[in-house]
Amino acid sequence: MSDIDAVGALEVDVYKTARRPQTFLYVPRDLQPDQWPSDLAELFAAPQKVLSLTLTAEQPLAAQSATVVIEAIRARGYFMQLPPDPLVGR
């Protein structure tokens, strides 16, 4: 049983910003933008909440496994999903 299985689900909010197209920020649901570290808040200026969800280890996500997202949030307080590299797969 992994740590995430033992811990269970994680409530998160997902944000985007016009400054960085196709970049999404996953944060714990109770962490509001005015509580983000200054460098993260600057990078995600004028954040727009895209959705709120409950992540579980089994949940499929489009770009990354939910386990990776949950582990990153638990380790550093957030997970940033970057756009795909256009050169990969050429």
N, C-alpha and C. Protein backbone atom coordinates (compact mmCIF):
# COMPACT_ATOMS: atom_id res chain seq x y z
N MET A 1 0.86 -1.19 0.00
CA MET A 1 0.00 0.00 0.00
C MET A 1 0.90 1.24 0.00
N SER A 2 0.68 2.17 -0.92
CA SER A 2 1.49 3.38 -0.99
C SER A 2 1.03 4.39 0.06
N ASP A 3 1.86 5.43 0.27
CA ASP A 3 1.51 6.50 1.22
C ASP A 3 0.21 7.18 0.81
N ILE A 4 0.02 7.36 -0.48
CA ILE A 4 -1.19 8.04 -0.95
C ILE A 4 -2.42 7.18 -0.69
N ASP A 5 -2.31 5.88 -0.90
CA ASP A 5 -3.43 5.01 -0.59
C ASP A 5 -3.78 5.11 0.89
N ALA A 6 -2.75 5.18 1.74
CA ALA A 6 -2.97 5.25 3.17
C ALA A 6 -3.57 6.59 3.58
N VAL A 7 -3.15 7.66 2.92
CA VAL A 7 -3.63 9.00 3.27
C VAL A 7 -5.03 9.24 2.73
N GLY A 8 -5.32 8.73 1.55
CA GLY A 8 -6.64 8.92 0.97
C GLY A 8 -6.68 10.06 -0.01
N ALA A 9 -7.85 10.63 -0.15
CA ALA A 9 -8.12 11.65 -1.16
C ALA A 9 -7.55 13.01 -0.75
N LEU A 10 -7.35 13.86 -1.74
CA LEU A 10 -6.87 15.22 -1.52
C LEU A 10 -7.77 16.19 -2.28
N GLU A 11 -8.35 17.14 -1.57
CA GLU A 11 -9.20 18.16 -2.17
C GLU A 11 -8.31 19.26 -2.76
N VAL A 12 -8.47 19.56 -4.04
CA VAL A 12 -7.62 20.55 -4.70
C VAL A 12 -8.45 21.53 -5.54
N ASP A 13 -7.84 22.68 -5.77
CA ASP A 13 -8.34 23.65 -6.74
C ASP A 13 -7.32 23.73 -7.86
N VAL A 14 -7.78 23.94 -9.07
CA VAL A 14 -6.91 24.04 -10.23
C VAL A 14 -7.10 25.44 -10.82
N TYR A 15 -5.97 26.12 -11.06
CA TYR A 15 -5.99 27.48 -11.59
C TYR A 15 -5.24 27.54 -12.92
N LYS A 16 -5.59 28.55 -13.71
CA LYS A 16 -4.85 28.87 -14.93
C LYS A 16 -4.60 30.38 -14.91
N THR A 17 -3.74 30.83 -15.82
CA THR A 17 -3.48 32.25 -15.97
C THR A 17 -3.26 32.56 -17.44
N ALA A 18 -3.70 33.70 -17.87
CA ALA A 18 -3.52 34.12 -19.26
C ALA A 18 -2.04 34.34 -19.59
N ARG A 19 -1.24 34.59 -18.57
CA ARG A 19 0.20 34.84 -18.77
C ARG A 19 0.94 33.59 -19.22
N ARG A 20 0.41 32.42 -18.92
CA ARG A 20 1.07 31.16 -19.27
C ARG A 20 0.04 30.18 -19.81
N PRO A 21 -0.27 30.28 -21.11
CA PRO A 21 -1.27 29.39 -21.70
C PRO A 21 -0.90 27.92 -21.50
N GLN A 22 -1.90 27.10 -21.29
CA GLN A 22 -1.78 25.65 -21.12
C GLN A 22 -0.98 25.25 -19.89
N THR A 23 -0.85 26.17 -18.92
CA THR A 23 -0.18 25.86 -17.66
C THR A 23 -1.22 25.90 -16.57
N PHE A 24 -1.24 24.85 -15.75
CA PHE A 24 -2.24 24.74 -14.69
C PHE A 24 -1.56 24.52 -13.36
N LEU A 25 -2.12 25.13 -12.33
CA LEU A 25 -1.58 25.03 -10.99
C LEU A 25 -2.59 24.31 -10.10
N TYR A 26 -2.15 23.22 -9.49
CA TYR A 26 -2.96 22.46 -8.54
C TYR A 26 -2.50 22.82 -7.13
N VAL A 27 -3.43 23.25 -6.29
CA VAL A 27 -3.11 23.61 -4.91
C VAL A 27 -4.16 23.00 -3.98
N PRO A 28 -3.81 22.82 -2.70
CA PRO A 28 -4.83 22.35 -1.76
C PRO A 28 -6.02 23.30 -1.75
N ARG A 29 -7.20 22.76 -1.61
CA ARG A 29 -8.43 23.56 -1.71
C ARG A 29 -8.45 24.74 -0.73
N ASP A 30 -7.88 24.61 0.44
CA ASP A 30 -7.93 25.68 1.42
C ASP A 30 -6.84 26.74 1.24
N LEU A 31 -6.00 26.62 0.22
CA LEU A 31 -4.93 27.58 -0.03
C LEU A 31 -5.38 28.59 -1.10
N GLN A 32 -5.71 29.79 -0.65
CA GLN A 32 -6.19 30.84 -1.54
C GLN A 32 -5.02 31.56 -2.22
N PRO A 33 -5.23 32.17 -3.39
CA PRO A 33 -4.15 32.85 -4.11
C PRO A 33 -3.40 33.89 -3.26
N ASP A 34 -4.08 34.57 -2.37
CA ASP A 34 -3.38 35.57 -1.55
C ASP A 34 -2.49 34.92 -0.49
N GLN A 35 -2.52 33.59 -0.37
CA GLN A 35 -1.67 32.86 0.56
C GLN A 35 -0.51 32.16 -0.15
N TRP A 36 -0.46 32.24 -1.47
CA TRP A 36 0.61 31.58 -2.22
C TRP A 36 1.94 32.27 -1.96
N PRO A 37 3.06 31.55 -2.09
CA PRO A 37 4.38 32.20 -2.02
C PRO A 37 4.47 33.28 -3.09
N SER A 38 5.22 34.35 -2.81
CA SER A 38 5.25 35.51 -3.71
C SER A 38 5.70 35.15 -5.13
N ASP A 39 6.70 34.27 -5.28
CA ASP A 39 7.16 33.93 -6.64
C ASP A 39 6.09 33.16 -7.42
N LEU A 40 5.35 32.32 -6.74
CA LEU A 40 4.27 31.58 -7.39
C LEU A 40 3.11 32.52 -7.74
N ALA A 41 2.79 33.42 -6.84
CA ALA A 41 1.72 34.40 -7.09
C ALA A 41 2.09 35.31 -8.27
N GLU A 42 3.35 35.67 -8.37
CA GLU A 42 3.80 36.52 -9.49
C GLU A 42 3.70 35.77 -10.81
N LEU A 43 4.11 34.52 -10.81
CA LEU A 43 4.06 33.68 -12.02
C LEU A 43 2.62 33.46 -12.48
N PHE A 44 1.71 33.32 -11.50
CA PHE A 44 0.30 33.08 -11.80
C PHE A 44 -0.53 34.33 -11.51
N ALA A 45 -0.05 35.47 -11.95
CA ALA A 45 -0.79 36.72 -11.74
C ALA A 45 -2.18 36.62 -12.36
N ALA A 46 -3.15 37.19 -11.69
CA ALA A 46 -4.56 37.14 -12.12
C ALA A 46 -5.01 35.70 -12.34
N PRO A 47 -4.86 34.84 -11.33
CA PRO A 47 -5.26 33.44 -11.50
C PRO A 47 -6.76 33.29 -11.69
N GLN A 48 -7.12 32.33 -12.51
CA GLN A 48 -8.53 32.00 -12.75
C GLN A 48 -8.75 30.56 -12.32
N LYS A 49 -9.67 30.36 -11.39
CA LYS A 49 -9.96 28.99 -10.95
C LYS A 49 -10.69 28.27 -12.07
N VAL A 50 -10.16 27.11 -12.43
CA VAL A 50 -10.73 26.29 -13.50
C VAL A 50 -11.71 25.29 -12.92
N LEU A 51 -11.31 24.63 -11.82
CA LEU A 51 -12.18 23.64 -11.21
C LEU A 51 -11.68 23.26 -9.83
N SER A 52 -12.54 22.61 -9.09
CA SER A 52 -12.20 22.00 -7.81
C SER A 52 -12.49 20.51 -7.95
N LEU A 53 -11.62 19.68 -7.39
CA LEU A 53 -11.85 18.25 -7.47
C LEU A 53 -11.20 17.53 -6.32
N THR A 54 -11.59 16.30 -6.15
CA THR A 54 -11.01 15.42 -5.15
C THR A 54 -10.11 14.44 -5.88
N LEU A 55 -8.81 14.53 -5.62
CA LEU A 55 -7.86 13.62 -6.26
C LEU A 55 -7.72 12.35 -5.43
N THR A 56 -7.71 11.23 -6.12
CA THR A 56 -7.40 9.94 -5.51
C THR A 56 -6.32 9.29 -6.37
N ALA A 57 -5.60 8.35 -5.80
CA ALA A 57 -4.52 7.68 -6.53
C ALA A 57 -5.00 7.02 -7.81
N GLU A 58 -6.25 6.56 -7.82
CA GLU A 58 -6.78 5.84 -8.98
C GLU A 58 -7.32 6.76 -10.07
N GLN A 59 -7.48 8.02 -9.76
CA GLN A 59 -8.15 8.94 -10.68
C GLN A 59 -7.31 9.23 -11.92
N PRO A 60 -7.88 9.07 -13.09
CA PRO A 60 -7.15 9.41 -14.31
C PRO A 60 -7.13 10.92 -14.53
N LEU A 61 -5.99 11.43 -14.91
CA LEU A 61 -5.84 12.84 -15.31
C LEU A 61 -5.26 12.85 -16.71
N ALA A 62 -5.47 13.93 -17.42
CA ALA A 62 -5.07 13.99 -18.83
C ALA A 62 -3.55 14.00 -19.03
N ALA A 63 -2.80 14.75 -18.23
CA ALA A 63 -1.39 14.94 -18.52
C ALA A 63 -0.43 14.27 -17.55
N GLN A 64 -0.90 13.87 -16.38
CA GLN A 64 -0.02 13.36 -15.34
C GLN A 64 -0.81 12.40 -14.46
N SER A 65 -0.13 11.49 -13.83
CA SER A 65 -0.86 10.59 -12.93
C SER A 65 -1.26 11.36 -11.67
N ALA A 66 -2.40 11.02 -11.12
CA ALA A 66 -2.88 11.67 -9.91
C ALA A 66 -1.90 11.45 -8.76
N THR A 67 -1.23 10.31 -8.73
CA THR A 67 -0.26 10.02 -7.68
C THR A 67 0.87 11.04 -7.71
N VAL A 68 1.38 11.37 -8.88
CA VAL A 68 2.47 12.35 -9.01
C VAL A 68 1.99 13.72 -8.53
N VAL A 69 0.78 14.10 -8.90
CA VAL A 69 0.22 15.39 -8.50
C VAL A 69 0.06 15.45 -6.98
N ILE A 70 -0.51 14.42 -6.39
CA ILE A 70 -0.72 14.39 -4.94
C ILE A 70 0.62 14.43 -4.20
N GLU A 71 1.58 13.64 -4.65
CA GLU A 71 2.89 13.63 -3.99
C GLU A 71 3.56 15.00 -4.06
N ALA A 72 3.46 15.68 -5.20
CA ALA A 72 4.06 17.01 -5.35
C ALA A 72 3.39 18.02 -4.42
N ILE A 73 2.07 17.97 -4.34
CA ILE A 73 1.35 18.90 -3.46
C ILE A 73 1.74 18.65 -2.01
N ARG A 74 1.83 17.40 -1.61
CA ARG A 74 2.21 17.08 -0.23
C ARG A 74 3.66 17.50 0.07
N ALA A 75 4.55 17.40 -0.92
CA ALA A 75 5.96 17.73 -0.71
C ALA A 75 6.25 19.23 -0.76
N ARG A 76 5.65 19.95 -1.74
CA ARG A 76 6.01 21.36 -1.88
C ARG A 76 4.82 22.31 -1.83
N GLY A 77 3.62 21.77 -1.67
CA GLY A 77 2.45 22.62 -1.50
C GLY A 77 1.69 22.93 -2.77
N TYR A 78 2.20 22.50 -3.92
CA TYR A 78 1.51 22.74 -5.19
C TYR A 78 2.07 21.81 -6.25
N PHE A 79 1.38 21.72 -7.39
CA PHE A 79 1.87 21.01 -8.57
C PHE A 79 1.58 21.89 -9.77
N MET A 80 2.58 22.15 -10.60
CA MET A 80 2.39 22.95 -11.80
C MET A 80 2.47 22.04 -13.02
N GLN A 81 1.37 22.02 -13.78
CA GLN A 81 1.31 21.24 -15.02
C GLN A 81 1.68 22.16 -16.16
N LEU A 82 2.82 21.88 -16.78
CA LEU A 82 3.31 22.71 -17.89
C LEU A 82 2.77 22.19 -19.21
N PRO A 83 2.75 23.06 -20.23
CA PRO A 83 2.28 22.60 -21.55
C PRO A 83 3.23 21.54 -22.11
N PRO A 84 2.73 20.70 -22.99
CA PRO A 84 3.60 19.68 -23.59
C PRO A 84 4.70 20.34 -24.41
N ASP A 85 5.85 19.70 -24.44
CA ASP A 85 6.98 20.18 -25.24
C ASP A 85 6.70 19.89 -26.71
N PRO A 86 6.66 20.91 -27.56
CA PRO A 86 6.33 20.68 -28.98
C PRO A 86 7.40 19.88 -29.71
N LEU A 87 8.61 19.77 -29.17
CA LEU A 87 9.68 19.02 -29.83
C LEU A 87 9.67 17.54 -29.48
N VAL A 88 8.98 17.17 -28.41
CA VAL A 88 8.93 15.76 -28.02
C VAL A 88 8.06 15.01 -29.00
N GLY A 89 8.55 13.86 -29.45
CA GLY A 89 7.77 13.03 -30.37
C GLY A 89 8.05 13.32 -31.82
N ARG A 90 8.98 14.21 -32.09
CA ARG A 90 9.31 14.51 -33.50
C ARG A 90 10.27 13.49 -34.05
